[in-house]
């Protein structure tokens, strides 16, 4: 089986953001970034949400680019949001997801097109689902086409998931960590206690990666909420960022970190003895950690620029300059959430300028050195 790494697929998607902004609008891209990243972090949970009992096998989104088919080029860039190989009752199936933040009069036809082409490519049944993130007109299922004499030509069944109609309890009771970040989009998603519960559960599970996406989705969902609610949401995220920073300074964190490093070294030495590659493994682990951090930083930088450009296009270039100079994931993530909460462009401009000034401000050590 060929396994496609999720981080590679996401980076490939990031490179296509500018093209998708032109086709779908920048705000739609912000939603896409959040939801596609969430799927990468919790693919199995998403698959179970739309097709219970199915088992996720691998991501096929990057290889399923319909624009590569000559006959379809005239239709423009056609890219399914998510296409995944799965298994159901011991048989192969494909799960196709589309994330929608606004209406699309031809959504059912687009789903049918993707479904038929995926069926032909992978030679197995394809289950298509459109996930609506915000309240808007949605297609009816099944999609039907008839001749003038009422004889049916097509009857295409697909799933329509309207998150605004979904009770929050359905996600809370499912036991799936990966779908908890969707809580801000559910029927009760504007309630503070629901955000607190999402935060509590994901913190207990140690899934801060999912929690960061949850706050991003909340920031987008609460963009039109009263200023007091947006400020409260920002405070919740700030508390989380402060907690993580404080945790890193504790003895227990250092002990866990040292144990992890010790275990990693022992495992690496064992593998190195077996393969005669001790130094290579050590160097490879170090380079791998550095590469992972660099990819995460680039991902957050691009997300910040996309969100700023979506809400305040005139600040896009400033956001790009600020993002390029930040090397701490926590700082970038806090800025991403701020973009979703701030309502006035001038407020955001001041926040970005403040961040630039903080970066340029010399440390105490540097000041002392200059005075000498």
Protein backbone atom coordinates (compact mmCIF):
# COMPACT_ATOMS: atom_id res chain seq x y z
CA UNK A 1 0.00 0.00 0.00
CA UNK A 2 1.28 3.45 -0.89
CA UNK A 3 0.97 5.79 2.10
CA UNK A 4 0.81 9.53 1.44
CA UNK A 5 2.00 11.63 4.38
CA UNK A 6 -0.67 14.08 5.58
CA UNK A 7 1.85 16.88 6.14
CA UNK A 8 3.02 16.63 2.53
CA UNK A 9 -0.56 16.73 1.28
CA UNK A 10 -1.25 19.81 3.37
CA UNK A 11 1.85 21.61 2.13
CA UNK A 12 0.80 20.85 -1.43
CA UNK A 13 -2.58 22.35 -0.67
CA UNK A 14 -0.98 25.44 0.87
CA UNK A 15 0.83 26.09 -2.41
CA UNK A 16 -2.55 26.21 -4.15
CA UNK A 17 -4.13 28.70 -1.76
CA UNK A 18 -3.66 31.70 -4.04
CA UNK A 19 -5.34 29.90 -6.93
CA UNK A 20 -8.28 28.90 -4.75
CA UNK A 21 -8.67 32.44 -3.42
CA UNK A 22 -9.27 33.62 -6.98
CA UNK A 23 -11.80 30.87 -7.61
CA UNK A 24 -13.65 30.78 -4.28
CA UNK A 25 -12.88 33.99 -2.43
CA UNK A 26 -10.34 34.43 0.34
CA UNK A 27 -12.73 33.90 3.27
CA UNK A 28 -13.76 30.55 1.83
CA UNK A 29 -10.08 29.64 1.76
CA UNK A 30 -9.77 30.43 5.48
CA UNK A 31 -12.50 27.91 6.23
CA UNK A 32 -10.91 25.40 3.87
CA UNK A 33 -7.55 25.73 5.60
CA UNK A 34 -9.07 25.06 9.01
CA UNK A 35 -11.25 22.12 7.96
CA UNK A 36 -8.67 20.39 5.77
CA UNK A 37 -6.08 20.70 8.51
CA UNK A 38 -8.58 19.28 11.00
CA UNK A 39 -9.22 16.30 8.72
CA UNK A 40 -5.50 15.63 8.51
CA UNK A 41 -5.25 15.60 12.30
CA UNK A 42 -8.30 13.37 12.82
CA UNK A 43 -9.14 11.57 9.59
CA UNK A 44 -10.71 8.51 11.23
CA UNK A 45 -13.04 10.61 13.37
CA UNK A 46 -14.23 12.56 10.33
CA UNK A 47 -14.80 9.37 8.33
CA UNK A 48 -16.89 7.91 11.17
CA UNK A 49 -18.94 11.10 11.30
CA UNK A 50 -20.09 10.74 7.69
CA UNK A 51 -19.88 6.95 7.25
CA UNK A 52 -20.10 5.01 10.54
CA UNK A 53 -18.14 1.75 10.75
CA UNK A 54 -15.82 2.74 7.90
CA UNK A 55 -12.09 2.58 8.57
CA UNK A 56 -9.76 5.24 7.18
CA UNK A 57 -6.82 3.85 5.16
CA UNK A 58 -5.04 6.70 3.39
CA UNK A 59 -5.47 10.16 1.91
CA UNK A 60 -5.86 10.37 -1.87
CA UNK A 61 -6.69 14.08 -2.15
CA UNK A 62 -3.37 15.17 -3.66
CA UNK A 63 -3.51 12.57 -6.43
CA UNK A 64 -7.15 13.26 -7.32
CA UNK A 65 -6.75 16.50 -9.30
CA UNK A 66 -9.42 16.57 -11.97
CA UNK A 67 -7.88 19.44 -13.92
CA UNK A 68 -5.28 16.94 -15.14
CA UNK A 69 -7.98 15.24 -17.23
CA UNK A 70 -7.92 16.89 -20.71
CA UNK A 71 -11.69 16.70 -21.24
CA UNK A 72 -12.30 18.58 -17.98
CA UNK A 73 -9.81 21.41 -18.36
CA UNK A 74 -12.42 23.72 -19.86
CA UNK A 75 -14.35 23.49 -16.58
CA UNK A 76 -11.48 25.15 -14.72
CA UNK A 77 -9.58 23.98 -11.64
CA UNK A 78 -11.50 21.06 -10.16
CA UNK A 79 -10.13 19.80 -6.86
CA UNK A 80 -12.10 17.77 -4.38
CA UNK A 81 -11.53 18.96 -0.82
CA UNK A 82 -10.92 15.49 0.61
CA UNK A 83 -10.79 12.08 -1.06
CA UNK A 84 -9.80 9.18 1.19
CA UNK A 85 -9.42 5.46 0.67
CA UNK A 86 -11.35 3.56 3.36
CA UNK A 87 -12.61 0.11 4.21
CA UNK A 88 -16.21 -0.83 5.01
CA UNK A 89 -17.26 -4.37 5.92
CA UNK A 90 -13.94 -5.62 4.60
CA UNK A 91 -14.40 -3.99 1.20
CA UNK A 92 -12.67 -0.91 -0.28
CA UNK A 93 -14.66 2.32 -0.52
CA UNK A 94 -13.77 5.96 -1.09
CA UNK A 95 -15.03 8.82 1.07
CA UNK A 96 -15.32 12.20 -0.65
CA UNK A 97 -15.85 15.38 1.40
CA UNK A 98 -16.58 18.95 0.36
CA UNK A 99 -16.52 21.78 2.92
CA UNK A 100 -18.86 24.68 2.13
CA UNK A 101 -19.06 28.02 3.92
CA UNK A 102 -21.57 29.49 1.44
CA UNK A 103 -24.23 28.50 -1.11
CA UNK A 104 -23.44 26.83 -4.40
CA UNK A 105 -26.37 26.32 -6.75
CA UNK A 106 -24.54 23.54 -8.60
CA UNK A 107 -23.17 21.67 -5.58
CA UNK A 108 -25.16 18.50 -6.27
CA UNK A 109 -23.92 18.40 -9.87
CA UNK A 110 -20.34 18.96 -8.72
CA UNK A 111 -20.62 16.14 -6.20
CA UNK A 112 -21.98 13.85 -8.92
CA UNK A 113 -19.09 14.72 -11.23
CA UNK A 114 -16.48 14.05 -8.55
CA UNK A 115 -18.23 10.87 -7.49
CA UNK A 116 -18.38 9.34 -10.97
CA UNK A 117 -14.76 10.22 -11.76
CA UNK A 118 -13.52 8.85 -8.43
CA UNK A 119 -15.55 5.68 -8.99
CA UNK A 120 -13.94 5.20 -12.39
CA UNK A 121 -10.44 5.91 -11.10
CA UNK A 122 -10.50 3.73 -7.99
CA UNK A 123 -13.02 1.11 -9.16
CA UNK A 124 -14.97 1.03 -5.91
CA UNK A 125 -18.06 2.74 -4.44
CA UNK A 126 -17.66 6.41 -3.47
CA UNK A 127 -19.63 8.03 -0.65
CA UNK A 128 -19.90 11.80 -1.13
CA UNK A 129 -20.74 14.28 1.59
CA UNK A 130 -20.97 18.07 1.65
CA UNK A 131 -20.38 19.63 5.07
CA UNK A 132 -22.00 23.04 5.46
CA UNK A 133 -20.17 25.21 7.98
CA UNK A 134 -22.53 28.19 7.99
CA UNK A 135 -26.26 28.57 7.46
CA UNK A 136 -27.09 28.85 3.75
CA UNK A 137 -29.09 27.16 1.01
CA UNK A 138 -28.17 23.49 0.64
CA UNK A 139 -28.98 20.94 -2.08
CA UNK A 140 -31.58 18.24 -1.73
CA UNK A 141 -30.56 14.61 -1.80
CA UNK A 142 -30.92 12.54 -3.89
CA UNK A 143 -30.07 14.58 -6.97
CA UNK A 144 -32.33 13.49 -9.83
CA UNK A 145 -32.37 14.07 -13.59
CA UNK A 146 -35.36 13.10 -15.68
CA UNK A 147 -36.37 13.00 -19.31
CA UNK A 148 -39.39 15.07 -20.42
CA UNK A 149 -41.49 11.91 -20.05
CA UNK A 150 -40.46 11.68 -16.34
CA UNK A 151 -38.21 8.69 -16.92
CA UNK A 152 -35.31 8.92 -14.46
CA UNK A 153 -31.80 9.25 -15.85
CA UNK A 154 -29.85 9.89 -12.63
CA UNK A 155 -30.62 9.35 -8.97
CA UNK A 156 -27.51 10.28 -7.00
CA UNK A 157 -27.56 9.83 -3.23
CA UNK A 158 -25.16 11.83 -1.07
CA UNK A 159 -24.98 13.16 2.49
CA UNK A 160 -25.71 16.78 3.40
CA UNK A 161 -24.34 17.67 6.84
CA UNK A 162 -25.65 21.01 8.10
CA UNK A 163 -23.56 21.72 11.18
CA UNK A 164 -25.83 24.58 12.30
CA UNK A 165 -28.66 22.03 12.65
CA UNK A 166 -26.54 19.49 14.53
CA UNK A 167 -27.04 19.36 18.32
CA UNK A 168 -23.75 19.85 20.15
CA UNK A 169 -24.59 16.77 22.23
CA UNK A 170 -24.16 14.59 19.16
CA UNK A 171 -20.47 15.50 18.96
CA UNK A 172 -19.95 15.55 22.73
CA UNK A 173 -21.39 12.05 23.15
CA UNK A 174 -19.59 10.50 20.19
CA UNK A 175 -16.28 10.05 22.01
CA UNK A 176 -14.39 11.39 18.98
CA UNK A 177 -11.74 13.97 19.88
CA UNK A 178 -11.28 14.97 16.25
CA UNK A 179 -14.78 16.37 15.79
CA UNK A 180 -14.83 18.46 19.00
CA UNK A 181 -13.31 21.47 17.16
CA UNK A 182 -16.57 21.58 15.15
CA UNK A 183 -18.59 22.46 18.27
CA UNK A 184 -18.54 26.24 17.58
CA UNK A 185 -20.44 25.52 14.33
CA UNK A 186 -23.24 23.46 15.92
CA UNK A 187 -26.71 24.58 17.00
CA UNK A 188 -25.43 25.78 20.39
CA UNK A 189 -22.07 26.93 19.04
CA UNK A 190 -22.43 30.54 20.21
CA UNK A 191 -22.61 29.57 23.88
CA UNK A 192 -19.61 30.21 26.10
CA UNK A 193 -20.08 26.99 28.05
CA UNK A 194 -19.66 24.97 24.86
CA UNK A 195 -16.28 26.58 24.12
CA UNK A 196 -15.24 25.93 27.73
CA UNK A 197 -16.25 22.27 27.41
CA UNK A 198 -14.37 21.87 24.11
CA UNK A 199 -11.29 23.42 25.72
CA UNK A 200 -11.58 21.25 28.84
CA UNK A 201 -11.91 17.97 26.97
CA UNK A 202 -9.11 18.60 24.50
CA UNK A 203 -6.79 19.83 27.24
CA UNK A 204 -7.47 16.67 29.24
CA UNK A 205 -6.70 14.60 26.16
CA UNK A 206 -3.50 16.58 25.53
CA UNK A 207 -4.74 17.39 22.02
CA UNK A 208 -3.53 20.97 21.82
CA UNK A 209 -3.19 20.62 18.06
CA UNK A 210 -6.94 20.03 17.81
CA UNK A 211 -7.64 22.78 20.33
CA UNK A 212 -5.75 25.32 18.23
CA UNK A 213 -7.94 24.43 15.24
CA UNK A 214 -11.01 24.60 17.48
CA UNK A 215 -10.17 28.17 18.49
CA UNK A 216 -9.52 29.11 14.88
CA UNK A 217 -12.93 27.74 13.84
CA UNK A 218 -14.52 29.54 16.80
CA UNK A 219 -12.86 32.81 15.76
CA UNK A 220 -14.30 32.44 12.26
CA UNK A 221 -17.73 31.40 13.55
CA UNK A 222 -17.85 34.22 16.12
CA UNK A 223 -16.68 36.93 13.70
CA UNK A 224 -20.10 38.63 13.81
CA UNK A 225 -20.71 38.02 17.52
CA UNK A 226 -20.90 40.99 19.94
CA UNK A 227 -17.56 42.57 20.85
CA UNK A 228 -17.81 41.31 24.43
CA UNK A 229 -18.13 37.72 23.21
CA UNK A 230 -15.19 38.05 20.84
CA UNK A 231 -13.08 39.51 23.64
CA UNK A 232 -14.04 36.62 25.91
CA UNK A 233 -13.02 34.12 23.24
CA UNK A 234 -9.67 35.83 22.82
CA UNK A 235 -9.10 35.67 26.57
CA UNK A 236 -9.80 31.94 26.55
CA UNK A 237 -7.16 31.39 23.92
CA UNK A 238 -4.67 33.67 25.69
CA UNK A 239 -5.13 31.64 28.86
CA UNK A 240 -4.32 28.49 26.90
CA UNK A 241 -1.19 30.01 25.37
CA UNK A 242 -0.03 31.21 28.80
CA UNK A 243 -0.67 27.77 30.30
CA UNK A 244 1.42 26.05 27.64
CA UNK A 245 4.28 28.49 28.17
CA UNK A 246 4.16 28.01 31.96
CA UNK A 247 3.95 24.24 31.59
CA UNK A 248 7.20 24.22 29.63
CA UNK A 249 8.97 25.75 32.64
CA UNK A 250 7.83 23.16 35.18
CA UNK A 251 9.94 20.30 36.53
CA UNK A 252 7.36 17.71 35.49
CA UNK A 253 7.44 18.94 31.89
CA UNK A 254 11.23 18.81 31.84
CA UNK A 255 11.15 15.32 33.38
CA UNK A 256 8.71 14.07 30.73
CA UNK A 257 10.79 15.71 28.02
CA UNK A 258 14.01 14.15 29.31
CA UNK A 259 12.34 10.73 29.57
CA UNK A 260 11.13 11.06 26.02
CA UNK A 261 14.57 12.06 24.80
CA UNK A 262 16.16 9.21 26.77
CA UNK A 263 13.72 6.71 25.30
CA UNK A 264 14.32 8.13 21.84
CA UNK A 265 18.09 7.89 22.27
CA UNK A 266 17.87 4.30 23.49
CA UNK A 267 15.61 3.35 20.61
CA UNK A 268 17.85 5.15 18.17
CA UNK A 269 20.98 3.44 19.50
CA UNK A 270 19.33 0.05 19.25
CA UNK A 271 18.29 0.68 15.67
CA UNK A 272 21.69 2.16 14.94
CA UNK A 273 23.51 -0.93 16.19
CA UNK A 274 21.28 -3.09 14.10
CA UNK A 275 21.80 -1.01 10.98
CA UNK A 276 25.21 0.47 11.66
CA UNK A 277 23.77 3.96 11.37
CA UNK A 278 24.07 5.47 14.86
CA UNK A 279 25.13 8.93 13.76
CA UNK A 280 22.80 8.89 10.84
CA UNK A 281 19.80 8.19 13.06
CA UNK A 282 20.78 10.89 15.51
CA UNK A 283 21.22 13.44 12.77
CA UNK A 284 18.06 12.30 11.06
CA UNK A 285 15.97 12.75 14.22
CA UNK A 286 17.39 16.21 14.76
CA UNK A 287 16.76 17.24 11.17
CA UNK A 288 13.28 15.73 11.31
CA UNK A 289 12.36 17.80 14.37
CA UNK A 290 13.74 20.93 12.75
CA UNK A 291 11.87 20.25 9.52
CA UNK A 292 8.61 19.57 11.36
CA UNK A 293 8.90 22.85 13.27
CA UNK A 294 9.74 24.77 10.09
CA UNK A 295 6.75 23.28 8.27
CA UNK A 296 4.46 24.17 11.17
CA UNK A 297 5.76 27.76 11.18
CA UNK A 298 5.25 28.11 7.43
CA UNK A 299 1.74 26.69 7.75
CA UNK A 300 0.82 29.23 10.45
CA UNK A 301 2.42 32.10 8.53
CA UNK A 302 0.40 31.28 5.43
CA UNK A 303 -2.79 30.90 7.46
CA UNK A 304 -2.24 34.32 9.05
CA UNK A 305 -1.70 35.99 5.68
CA UNK A 306 -4.74 34.29 4.15
CA UNK A 307 -7.04 35.30 7.02
CA UNK A 308 -5.82 38.90 7.08
CA UNK A 309 -6.17 39.17 3.30
CA UNK A 310 -9.67 37.72 3.52
CA UNK A 311 -10.97 40.23 6.08
CA UNK A 312 -8.75 43.27 5.46
CA UNK A 313 -7.12 43.04 1.99
CA UNK A 314 -5.27 46.34 2.47
CA UNK A 315 -3.29 44.77 5.35
CA UNK A 316 -2.25 41.64 3.47
CA UNK A 317 1.28 42.84 2.69
CA UNK A 318 1.86 44.04 6.26
CA UNK A 319 0.69 40.67 7.57
CA UNK A 320 3.10 38.93 5.21
CA UNK A 321 6.02 41.00 6.53
CA UNK A 322 5.08 40.45 10.16
CA UNK A 323 4.54 36.70 9.69
CA UNK A 324 7.93 36.28 8.03
CA UNK A 325 9.66 37.67 11.12
CA UNK A 326 7.92 35.50 13.72
CA UNK A 327 9.60 32.23 14.69
CA UNK A 328 7.34 31.14 17.56
CA UNK A 329 4.26 29.00 16.73
CA UNK A 330 2.40 30.26 19.84
CA UNK A 331 2.75 33.89 18.73
CA UNK A 332 1.55 33.12 15.22
CA UNK A 333 -1.41 31.11 16.49
CA UNK A 334 -2.44 33.95 18.83
CA UNK A 335 -2.35 36.37 15.90
CA UNK A 336 -4.46 34.03 13.76
CA UNK A 337 -7.15 33.94 16.45
CA UNK A 338 -6.94 37.73 16.86
CA UNK A 339 -7.68 38.21 13.16
CA UNK A 340 -10.96 36.34 13.57
CA UNK A 341 -11.98 38.42 16.58
CA UNK A 342 -10.94 41.94 15.55
CA UNK A 343 -13.67 43.88 13.73
CA UNK A 344 -11.86 47.06 12.64
CA UNK A 345 -8.98 47.15 10.19
CA UNK A 346 -7.22 49.88 12.18
CA UNK A 347 -7.25 47.68 15.29
CA UNK A 348 -5.58 44.90 13.37
CA UNK A 349 -3.04 47.29 11.85
CA UNK A 350 -2.07 48.45 15.35
CA UNK A 351 -1.80 44.84 16.54
CA UNK A 352 0.52 43.94 13.66
CA UNK A 353 2.62 47.07 14.17
CA UNK A 354 2.92 46.27 17.88
CA UNK A 355 4.14 42.80 17.00
CA UNK A 356 6.72 44.30 14.66
CA UNK A 357 7.93 46.68 17.38
CA UNK A 358 8.19 43.86 19.91
CA UNK A 359 10.35 41.90 17.51
CA UNK A 360 12.67 44.85 16.96
CA UNK A 361 12.91 45.83 20.64
CA UNK A 362 16.36 44.85 22.04
CA UNK A 363 16.54 42.46 24.97
CA UNK A 364 17.96 43.49 28.37
CA UNK A 365 21.22 41.80 27.53
CA UNK A 366 21.51 43.70 24.28
CA UNK A 367 20.79 47.03 26.03
CA UNK A 368 23.47 46.39 28.63
CA UNK A 369 25.97 45.51 25.94
CA UNK A 370 25.19 48.73 24.05
CA UNK A 371 25.65 50.86 27.19
CA UNK A 372 29.08 49.38 27.81
